[in-house]
N, C-alpha and C. Protein backbone atom coordinates (compact mmCIF):
# COMPACT_ATOMS: atom_id res chain seq x y z
N MET A 1 -52.34 -12.99 38.90
CA MET A 1 -51.36 -11.93 38.75
C MET A 1 -49.98 -12.52 38.54
N GLU A 2 -49.72 -13.56 39.29
CA GLU A 2 -48.43 -14.21 39.12
C GLU A 2 -48.24 -14.70 37.69
N ARG A 3 -49.32 -15.22 37.14
CA ARG A 3 -49.26 -15.76 35.79
C ARG A 3 -48.91 -14.67 34.77
N SER A 4 -49.49 -13.48 34.90
CA SER A 4 -49.18 -12.41 33.95
C SER A 4 -47.73 -11.94 34.10
N THR A 5 -47.20 -11.98 35.33
CA THR A 5 -45.80 -11.61 35.55
C THR A 5 -44.89 -12.59 34.85
N VAL A 6 -45.23 -13.86 34.96
CA VAL A 6 -44.43 -14.89 34.28
C VAL A 6 -44.50 -14.67 32.78
N ASN A 7 -45.69 -14.47 32.25
CA ASN A 7 -45.83 -14.24 30.81
C ASN A 7 -45.09 -12.97 30.38
N SER A 8 -45.17 -11.94 31.20
CA SER A 8 -44.48 -10.70 30.90
C SER A 8 -42.97 -10.92 30.88
N ASN A 9 -42.45 -11.65 31.84
CA ASN A 9 -41.02 -11.96 31.88
C ASN A 9 -40.61 -12.81 30.69
N MET A 10 -41.45 -13.75 30.31
CA MET A 10 -41.14 -14.61 29.16
C MET A 10 -41.08 -13.78 27.89
N GLN A 11 -42.00 -12.82 27.77
CA GLN A 11 -41.99 -11.97 26.60
C GLN A 11 -40.70 -11.13 26.56
N LEU A 12 -40.29 -10.63 27.70
CA LEU A 12 -39.05 -9.87 27.75
C LEU A 12 -37.86 -10.74 27.37
N LYS A 13 -37.85 -11.95 27.89
CA LYS A 13 -36.74 -12.85 27.55
C LYS A 13 -36.76 -13.18 26.07
N ASN A 14 -37.91 -13.40 25.52
CA ASN A 14 -38.01 -13.74 24.11
C ASN A 14 -37.74 -12.54 23.21
N SER A 15 -38.10 -11.35 23.67
CA SER A 15 -37.88 -10.17 22.83
C SER A 15 -36.41 -9.76 22.77
N LYS A 16 -35.65 -10.08 23.80
CA LYS A 16 -34.24 -9.71 23.80
C LYS A 16 -33.48 -10.36 22.65
N PRO A 17 -33.61 -11.67 22.45
CA PRO A 17 -32.92 -12.24 21.29
C PRO A 17 -33.42 -11.67 19.96
N ALA A 18 -34.69 -11.35 19.88
CA ALA A 18 -35.22 -10.78 18.64
C ALA A 18 -34.60 -9.42 18.37
N SER A 19 -34.48 -8.60 19.41
CA SER A 19 -33.87 -7.28 19.21
C SER A 19 -32.39 -7.41 18.88
N GLN A 20 -31.72 -8.38 19.50
CA GLN A 20 -30.31 -8.61 19.18
C GLN A 20 -30.17 -9.09 17.74
N THR A 21 -31.07 -9.94 17.32
CA THR A 21 -31.04 -10.44 15.95
C THR A 21 -31.22 -9.29 14.96
N ARG A 22 -32.17 -8.40 15.25
CA ARG A 22 -32.38 -7.24 14.37
C ARG A 22 -31.13 -6.36 14.34
N LEU A 23 -30.53 -6.16 15.51
CA LEU A 23 -29.32 -5.35 15.58
C LEU A 23 -28.19 -5.98 14.76
N ILE A 24 -28.04 -7.26 14.91
CA ILE A 24 -27.00 -7.97 14.15
C ILE A 24 -27.28 -7.87 12.66
N ARG A 25 -28.54 -7.99 12.27
CA ARG A 25 -28.90 -7.87 10.85
C ARG A 25 -28.59 -6.48 10.31
N LEU A 26 -28.70 -5.49 11.15
CA LEU A 26 -28.36 -4.13 10.73
C LEU A 26 -26.85 -3.90 10.70
N LEU A 27 -26.13 -4.51 11.64
CA LEU A 27 -24.69 -4.28 11.74
C LEU A 27 -23.88 -5.02 10.68
N ILE A 28 -24.31 -6.19 10.29
CA ILE A 28 -23.53 -6.99 9.33
C ILE A 28 -23.29 -6.23 8.02
N PRO A 29 -24.32 -5.67 7.40
CA PRO A 29 -24.03 -4.90 6.16
C PRO A 29 -23.12 -3.70 6.41
N LEU A 30 -23.27 -3.07 7.57
CA LEU A 30 -22.40 -1.93 7.89
C LEU A 30 -20.95 -2.37 8.02
N LEU A 31 -20.73 -3.53 8.62
CA LEU A 31 -19.36 -4.04 8.76
C LEU A 31 -18.75 -4.34 7.40
N PHE A 32 -19.53 -4.94 6.50
CA PHE A 32 -19.02 -5.21 5.15
C PHE A 32 -18.70 -3.91 4.42
N LEU A 33 -19.56 -2.92 4.57
CA LEU A 33 -19.32 -1.62 3.96
C LEU A 33 -18.06 -0.98 4.51
N ALA A 34 -17.88 -1.04 5.82
CA ALA A 34 -16.69 -0.47 6.45
C ALA A 34 -15.44 -1.20 5.98
N GLN A 35 -15.51 -2.50 5.86
CA GLN A 35 -14.35 -3.28 5.41
C GLN A 35 -13.96 -2.87 4.00
N LYS A 36 -14.93 -2.69 3.12
CA LYS A 36 -14.61 -2.28 1.76
C LYS A 36 -14.02 -0.88 1.73
N THR A 37 -14.49 -0.02 2.61
CA THR A 37 -13.98 1.35 2.66
C THR A 37 -12.54 1.38 3.15
N ILE A 38 -12.22 0.57 4.15
CA ILE A 38 -10.90 0.57 4.77
C ILE A 38 -9.89 -0.23 3.95
N ALA A 39 -10.33 -1.32 3.32
CA ALA A 39 -9.42 -2.23 2.63
C ALA A 39 -8.74 -1.54 1.46
N GLN A 40 -7.52 -1.94 1.19
CA GLN A 40 -6.77 -1.43 0.05
C GLN A 40 -7.35 -2.00 -1.23
N ASN A 41 -7.08 -1.30 -2.31
CA ASN A 41 -7.41 -1.83 -3.61
C ASN A 41 -6.57 -3.07 -3.85
N PRO A 42 -7.01 -3.92 -4.76
CA PRO A 42 -6.20 -5.11 -5.05
C PRO A 42 -4.82 -4.72 -5.59
N ILE A 43 -3.92 -5.66 -5.52
CA ILE A 43 -2.57 -5.46 -6.06
C ILE A 43 -2.67 -5.09 -7.53
N ASN A 44 -1.97 -4.06 -7.94
CA ASN A 44 -2.03 -3.64 -9.34
C ASN A 44 -0.68 -3.79 -10.04
N TRP A 45 0.14 -4.71 -9.55
CA TRP A 45 1.40 -5.02 -10.19
C TRP A 45 1.49 -6.54 -10.35
N THR A 46 2.36 -6.97 -11.23
CA THR A 46 2.55 -8.40 -11.47
C THR A 46 3.84 -8.86 -10.80
N PRO A 47 4.00 -10.16 -10.58
CA PRO A 47 5.27 -10.65 -10.02
C PRO A 47 6.48 -10.26 -10.89
N GLU A 48 6.28 -10.15 -12.18
CA GLU A 48 7.37 -9.76 -13.08
C GLU A 48 7.77 -8.31 -12.89
N GLN A 49 6.90 -7.51 -12.32
CA GLN A 49 7.20 -6.10 -12.09
C GLN A 49 7.88 -5.86 -10.75
N LEU A 50 8.12 -6.92 -9.99
CA LEU A 50 8.83 -6.79 -8.72
C LEU A 50 10.32 -6.97 -8.94
N MET A 51 11.11 -6.14 -8.28
CA MET A 51 12.56 -6.28 -8.33
C MET A 51 13.05 -6.73 -6.96
N ASN A 52 13.82 -7.79 -6.95
CA ASN A 52 14.39 -8.29 -5.71
C ASN A 52 15.39 -7.27 -5.17
N PRO A 53 15.35 -6.98 -3.88
CA PRO A 53 16.30 -6.01 -3.31
C PRO A 53 17.76 -6.36 -3.58
N SER A 54 18.09 -7.65 -3.57
CA SER A 54 19.49 -8.03 -3.82
C SER A 54 19.92 -7.64 -5.23
N GLU A 55 18.99 -7.69 -6.18
CA GLU A 55 19.30 -7.29 -7.55
C GLU A 55 19.62 -5.79 -7.62
N LEU A 56 18.80 -4.97 -7.00
CA LEU A 56 19.08 -3.53 -7.00
C LEU A 56 20.36 -3.23 -6.24
N SER A 57 20.58 -3.91 -5.15
CA SER A 57 21.81 -3.70 -4.38
C SER A 57 23.05 -3.98 -5.23
N THR A 58 23.01 -5.05 -5.99
CA THR A 58 24.13 -5.40 -6.87
C THR A 58 24.34 -4.33 -7.94
N ILE A 59 23.25 -3.87 -8.53
CA ILE A 59 23.34 -2.81 -9.55
C ILE A 59 23.99 -1.57 -8.95
N LEU A 60 23.57 -1.21 -7.73
CA LEU A 60 24.12 -0.01 -7.08
C LEU A 60 25.60 -0.18 -6.75
N LYS A 61 25.99 -1.37 -6.30
CA LYS A 61 27.41 -1.62 -5.97
C LYS A 61 28.27 -1.58 -7.22
N ASP A 62 27.75 -2.16 -8.32
CA ASP A 62 28.50 -2.16 -9.58
C ASP A 62 28.49 -0.78 -10.25
N ASN A 63 27.50 0.03 -9.90
CA ASN A 63 27.33 1.36 -10.45
C ASN A 63 27.26 1.36 -11.98
N LYS A 64 26.60 0.32 -12.52
CA LYS A 64 26.43 0.19 -13.97
C LYS A 64 24.95 0.06 -14.28
N GLN A 65 24.52 0.80 -15.27
CA GLN A 65 23.13 0.79 -15.71
C GLN A 65 22.16 0.97 -14.54
N VAL A 66 22.45 1.97 -13.73
CA VAL A 66 21.59 2.27 -12.59
C VAL A 66 20.28 2.87 -13.11
N PRO A 67 19.15 2.28 -12.72
CA PRO A 67 17.86 2.81 -13.18
C PRO A 67 17.55 4.14 -12.49
N VAL A 68 16.53 4.80 -12.98
CA VAL A 68 16.01 5.97 -12.29
C VAL A 68 15.21 5.42 -11.11
N ILE A 69 15.57 5.84 -9.91
CA ILE A 69 14.95 5.30 -8.69
C ILE A 69 14.18 6.42 -8.00
N TYR A 70 12.91 6.13 -7.73
CA TYR A 70 12.06 7.10 -7.03
C TYR A 70 11.61 6.53 -5.70
N CYS A 71 11.79 7.32 -4.67
CA CYS A 71 11.20 7.00 -3.38
C CYS A 71 9.82 7.66 -3.37
N ILE A 72 8.80 6.84 -3.26
CA ILE A 72 7.43 7.35 -3.27
C ILE A 72 6.83 7.31 -1.87
N GLY A 73 7.71 7.16 -0.88
CA GLY A 73 7.28 7.05 0.50
C GLY A 73 7.84 8.17 1.36
N PRO A 74 8.03 7.87 2.65
CA PRO A 74 8.39 8.91 3.60
C PRO A 74 9.83 9.38 3.60
N GLY A 75 10.73 8.75 2.88
CA GLY A 75 12.11 9.24 2.89
C GLY A 75 13.02 8.39 2.04
N ALA A 76 13.81 9.04 1.19
CA ALA A 76 14.72 8.34 0.29
C ALA A 76 15.98 7.95 1.04
N ILE A 77 16.19 6.66 1.21
CA ILE A 77 17.42 6.21 1.87
C ILE A 77 18.28 5.35 0.96
N ILE A 78 17.75 4.95 -0.18
CA ILE A 78 18.53 4.12 -1.11
C ILE A 78 19.33 5.07 -2.00
N PRO A 79 20.64 4.79 -2.17
CA PRO A 79 21.47 5.66 -3.01
C PRO A 79 20.86 5.84 -4.41
N HIS A 80 21.05 7.04 -4.96
CA HIS A 80 20.56 7.45 -6.28
C HIS A 80 19.05 7.69 -6.31
N SER A 81 18.36 7.58 -5.18
CA SER A 81 16.91 7.78 -5.15
C SER A 81 16.55 9.24 -5.27
N LYS A 82 15.48 9.49 -6.00
CA LYS A 82 14.87 10.82 -6.05
C LYS A 82 13.66 10.77 -5.13
N ASP A 83 13.61 11.67 -4.19
CA ASP A 83 12.53 11.69 -3.21
C ASP A 83 11.39 12.57 -3.73
N VAL A 84 10.25 11.94 -4.03
CA VAL A 84 9.08 12.72 -4.47
C VAL A 84 8.04 12.82 -3.36
N GLY A 85 8.32 12.22 -2.24
CA GLY A 85 7.38 12.27 -1.12
C GLY A 85 6.30 11.20 -1.24
N MET A 86 5.49 11.15 -0.23
CA MET A 86 4.43 10.14 -0.18
C MET A 86 3.36 10.48 -1.23
N VAL A 87 3.26 9.64 -2.26
CA VAL A 87 2.39 9.93 -3.39
C VAL A 87 0.90 9.76 -3.09
N LYS A 88 0.57 9.37 -1.89
CA LYS A 88 -0.85 9.36 -1.51
C LYS A 88 -1.37 10.79 -1.41
N GLU A 89 -0.45 11.75 -1.26
CA GLU A 89 -0.80 13.16 -1.15
C GLU A 89 -0.80 13.80 -2.55
N ALA A 90 -1.81 14.58 -2.82
CA ALA A 90 -2.04 15.14 -4.16
C ALA A 90 -0.83 15.91 -4.70
N GLU A 91 -0.20 16.73 -3.84
CA GLU A 91 0.94 17.53 -4.35
C GLU A 91 2.13 16.64 -4.71
N ASN A 92 2.28 15.50 -4.03
CA ASN A 92 3.41 14.61 -4.33
C ASN A 92 3.15 13.76 -5.56
N ILE A 93 1.92 13.32 -5.77
CA ILE A 93 1.64 12.56 -6.99
C ILE A 93 1.78 13.48 -8.19
N LYS A 94 1.44 14.77 -8.01
CA LYS A 94 1.63 15.76 -9.08
C LYS A 94 3.12 15.92 -9.38
N LEU A 95 3.93 16.03 -8.34
CA LEU A 95 5.39 16.13 -8.50
C LEU A 95 5.94 14.88 -9.21
N PHE A 96 5.48 13.71 -8.81
CA PHE A 96 5.91 12.47 -9.43
C PHE A 96 5.55 12.47 -10.92
N LYS A 97 4.35 12.91 -11.23
CA LYS A 97 3.91 12.97 -12.63
C LYS A 97 4.79 13.93 -13.43
N GLU A 98 5.13 15.07 -12.84
CA GLU A 98 6.01 16.03 -13.52
C GLU A 98 7.39 15.44 -13.76
N GLU A 99 7.92 14.71 -12.78
CA GLU A 99 9.22 14.04 -12.93
C GLU A 99 9.16 13.00 -14.06
N LEU A 100 8.11 12.20 -14.07
CA LEU A 100 7.97 11.16 -15.08
C LEU A 100 7.82 11.75 -16.48
N ALA A 101 7.15 12.88 -16.58
CA ALA A 101 6.91 13.51 -17.89
C ALA A 101 8.22 13.88 -18.60
N LYS A 102 9.30 14.01 -17.85
CA LYS A 102 10.61 14.36 -18.43
C LYS A 102 11.33 13.17 -19.03
N LEU A 103 10.80 11.96 -18.80
CA LEU A 103 11.51 10.74 -19.19
C LEU A 103 10.89 10.05 -20.39
N PRO A 104 11.73 9.38 -21.21
CA PRO A 104 11.17 8.53 -22.26
C PRO A 104 10.37 7.38 -21.64
N LYS A 105 9.37 6.90 -22.35
CA LYS A 105 8.46 5.87 -21.83
C LYS A 105 9.14 4.53 -21.57
N ASP A 106 10.32 4.31 -22.15
CA ASP A 106 11.01 3.03 -21.94
C ASP A 106 12.14 3.14 -20.90
N THR A 107 12.20 4.24 -20.19
CA THR A 107 13.22 4.43 -19.15
C THR A 107 13.09 3.33 -18.09
N GLN A 108 14.24 2.81 -17.69
CA GLN A 108 14.23 1.83 -16.60
C GLN A 108 14.01 2.58 -15.28
N ILE A 109 12.87 2.27 -14.63
CA ILE A 109 12.46 2.97 -13.41
C ILE A 109 12.25 1.95 -12.31
N VAL A 110 12.70 2.29 -11.10
CA VAL A 110 12.40 1.49 -9.91
C VAL A 110 11.76 2.43 -8.91
N ILE A 111 10.63 1.99 -8.36
CA ILE A 111 9.98 2.77 -7.30
C ILE A 111 9.99 1.95 -6.02
N TYR A 112 10.01 2.66 -4.90
CA TYR A 112 9.90 1.98 -3.61
C TYR A 112 9.28 2.91 -2.59
N CYS A 113 8.68 2.28 -1.59
CA CYS A 113 8.13 3.02 -0.46
C CYS A 113 8.75 2.44 0.81
N GLY A 114 8.23 1.29 1.26
CA GLY A 114 8.80 0.65 2.44
C GLY A 114 8.28 1.17 3.76
N CYS A 115 7.22 1.97 3.74
CA CYS A 115 6.70 2.51 5.00
C CYS A 115 6.00 1.44 5.84
N CYS A 116 5.47 0.43 5.19
CA CYS A 116 4.69 -0.59 5.88
C CYS A 116 4.47 -1.77 4.94
N PRO A 117 3.85 -2.84 5.42
CA PRO A 117 3.55 -3.96 4.51
C PRO A 117 2.66 -3.52 3.34
N TYR A 118 2.81 -4.19 2.21
CA TYR A 118 2.06 -3.83 1.01
C TYR A 118 0.56 -3.68 1.26
N GLU A 119 -0.02 -4.58 2.06
CA GLU A 119 -1.47 -4.52 2.23
C GLU A 119 -1.94 -3.24 2.91
N HIS A 120 -1.03 -2.51 3.55
CA HIS A 120 -1.39 -1.26 4.21
C HIS A 120 -0.82 -0.02 3.51
N CYS A 121 0.05 -0.22 2.57
CA CYS A 121 0.78 0.91 1.98
C CYS A 121 -0.14 1.80 1.15
N PRO A 122 -0.19 3.08 1.48
CA PRO A 122 -1.03 4.01 0.73
C PRO A 122 -0.35 4.62 -0.49
N ASN A 123 0.91 4.27 -0.73
CA ASN A 123 1.69 4.93 -1.78
C ASN A 123 1.96 4.09 -3.02
N VAL A 124 2.11 2.80 -2.85
CA VAL A 124 2.52 1.95 -3.96
C VAL A 124 1.47 1.92 -5.07
N ARG A 125 0.23 1.68 -4.73
CA ARG A 125 -0.80 1.53 -5.75
C ARG A 125 -1.00 2.80 -6.59
N PRO A 126 -1.06 3.99 -5.98
CA PRO A 126 -1.20 5.18 -6.83
C PRO A 126 0.00 5.39 -7.74
N ALA A 127 1.20 5.07 -7.28
CA ALA A 127 2.39 5.24 -8.13
C ALA A 127 2.36 4.28 -9.31
N ILE A 128 2.02 3.04 -9.04
CA ILE A 128 1.93 2.04 -10.12
C ILE A 128 0.87 2.47 -11.12
N GLN A 129 -0.27 2.92 -10.61
CA GLN A 129 -1.36 3.35 -11.49
C GLN A 129 -0.91 4.49 -12.39
N LEU A 130 -0.19 5.44 -11.84
CA LEU A 130 0.30 6.57 -12.63
C LEU A 130 1.27 6.10 -13.72
N LEU A 131 2.19 5.21 -13.35
CA LEU A 131 3.13 4.69 -14.35
C LEU A 131 2.39 4.00 -15.50
N LYS A 132 1.36 3.26 -15.17
CA LYS A 132 0.56 2.59 -16.21
C LYS A 132 -0.19 3.61 -17.07
N GLU A 133 -0.83 4.58 -16.42
CA GLU A 133 -1.58 5.59 -17.15
C GLU A 133 -0.69 6.39 -18.09
N MET A 134 0.56 6.62 -17.67
CA MET A 134 1.49 7.39 -18.50
C MET A 134 2.22 6.50 -19.51
N LYS A 135 1.85 5.23 -19.52
CA LYS A 135 2.34 4.26 -20.52
C LYS A 135 3.83 3.96 -20.41
N PHE A 136 4.36 3.93 -19.17
CA PHE A 136 5.74 3.51 -18.98
C PHE A 136 5.79 1.99 -19.09
N SER A 137 6.81 1.49 -19.76
CA SER A 137 6.87 0.07 -20.07
C SER A 137 7.99 -0.68 -19.35
N ASN A 138 8.86 0.03 -18.65
CA ASN A 138 10.03 -0.61 -18.07
C ASN A 138 10.20 -0.20 -16.61
N PHE A 139 9.15 -0.40 -15.83
CA PHE A 139 9.23 -0.02 -14.42
C PHE A 139 9.16 -1.25 -13.52
N LYS A 140 9.76 -1.10 -12.35
CA LYS A 140 9.75 -2.17 -11.34
C LYS A 140 9.38 -1.56 -9.99
N LEU A 141 8.77 -2.37 -9.18
CA LEU A 141 8.50 -2.05 -7.79
C LEU A 141 9.52 -2.82 -6.97
N LEU A 142 10.31 -2.13 -6.19
CA LEU A 142 11.27 -2.81 -5.33
C LEU A 142 10.49 -3.65 -4.33
N ASP A 143 10.80 -4.92 -4.29
CA ASP A 143 10.03 -5.88 -3.48
C ASP A 143 10.37 -5.73 -2.00
N LEU A 144 9.62 -4.87 -1.34
CA LEU A 144 9.75 -4.63 0.10
C LEU A 144 8.40 -4.97 0.75
N PRO A 145 8.06 -6.24 0.82
CA PRO A 145 6.72 -6.61 1.28
C PRO A 145 6.44 -6.28 2.75
N HIS A 146 7.48 -6.18 3.56
CA HIS A 146 7.28 -5.89 4.99
C HIS A 146 7.49 -4.40 5.27
N ASN A 147 8.72 -3.93 5.06
CA ASN A 147 9.06 -2.52 5.18
C ASN A 147 10.53 -2.34 4.80
N ILE A 148 10.97 -1.11 4.70
CA ILE A 148 12.34 -0.81 4.26
C ILE A 148 13.37 -1.32 5.26
N LYS A 149 13.05 -1.30 6.53
CA LYS A 149 14.00 -1.75 7.53
C LYS A 149 14.24 -3.26 7.41
N THR A 150 13.17 -4.02 7.41
CA THR A 150 13.27 -5.48 7.36
C THR A 150 13.84 -5.98 6.04
N ASP A 151 13.35 -5.40 4.93
CA ASP A 151 13.66 -5.93 3.60
C ASP A 151 14.86 -5.28 2.92
N TRP A 152 15.41 -4.22 3.51
CA TRP A 152 16.57 -3.56 2.88
C TRP A 152 17.67 -3.29 3.91
N ILE A 153 17.39 -2.48 4.91
CA ILE A 153 18.41 -2.06 5.87
C ILE A 153 18.98 -3.25 6.64
N ASP A 154 18.11 -4.09 7.20
CA ASP A 154 18.56 -5.23 8.01
C ASP A 154 19.36 -6.25 7.21
N LYS A 155 19.25 -6.20 5.90
CA LYS A 155 20.01 -7.13 5.04
C LYS A 155 21.35 -6.55 4.63
N GLY A 156 21.63 -5.35 5.09
CA GLY A 156 22.93 -4.75 4.82
C GLY A 156 23.06 -4.12 3.45
N TYR A 157 21.96 -3.85 2.78
CA TYR A 157 22.02 -3.21 1.46
C TYR A 157 22.40 -1.75 1.64
N PRO A 158 22.95 -1.12 0.60
CA PRO A 158 23.46 0.24 0.75
C PRO A 158 22.37 1.27 1.08
N ILE A 159 22.73 2.20 1.94
CA ILE A 159 21.82 3.30 2.27
C ILE A 159 22.59 4.62 2.19
N GLU A 160 21.84 5.68 1.97
CA GLU A 160 22.42 7.02 1.99
C GLU A 160 22.82 7.34 3.42
N LYS A 161 23.92 8.01 3.57
CA LYS A 161 24.34 8.47 4.90
C LYS A 161 23.43 9.62 5.30
N LEU A 162 22.84 9.50 6.45
CA LEU A 162 21.91 10.55 6.90
C LEU A 162 22.63 11.60 7.71
């Protein structure tokens, strides 16, 4: 009887790693699927399409050849910005499209969000995609890789008085 208890315990010990292995084999594909679902699409802009914040700041201070500036995020704080709202939302991307439809395709446009780092931003990619689909040729993304506070406000660049 003792022998069968030992064998029974050994089977339990041996079956535990097998069940864990099966569980892990089931979870790994689910984790990869979840990662793809959560992860942002790849960057859809080029380094040439980025505008350095200091460049826009200088343009605003000189008040010469100011581009059309759209805030595609949670709030327009840069002078001359048109606030279209967070373009991740259907009604705001529609508003952005309506605004763009009024402009010639070669209009100098700058867009910015600044709500969070690029890898998490839900607004930049849809805005860039829309500009491309509408065949705009002279647009820039304001280079705010961290957020508006770190990359614009903390550097002393001009802001709208709230």
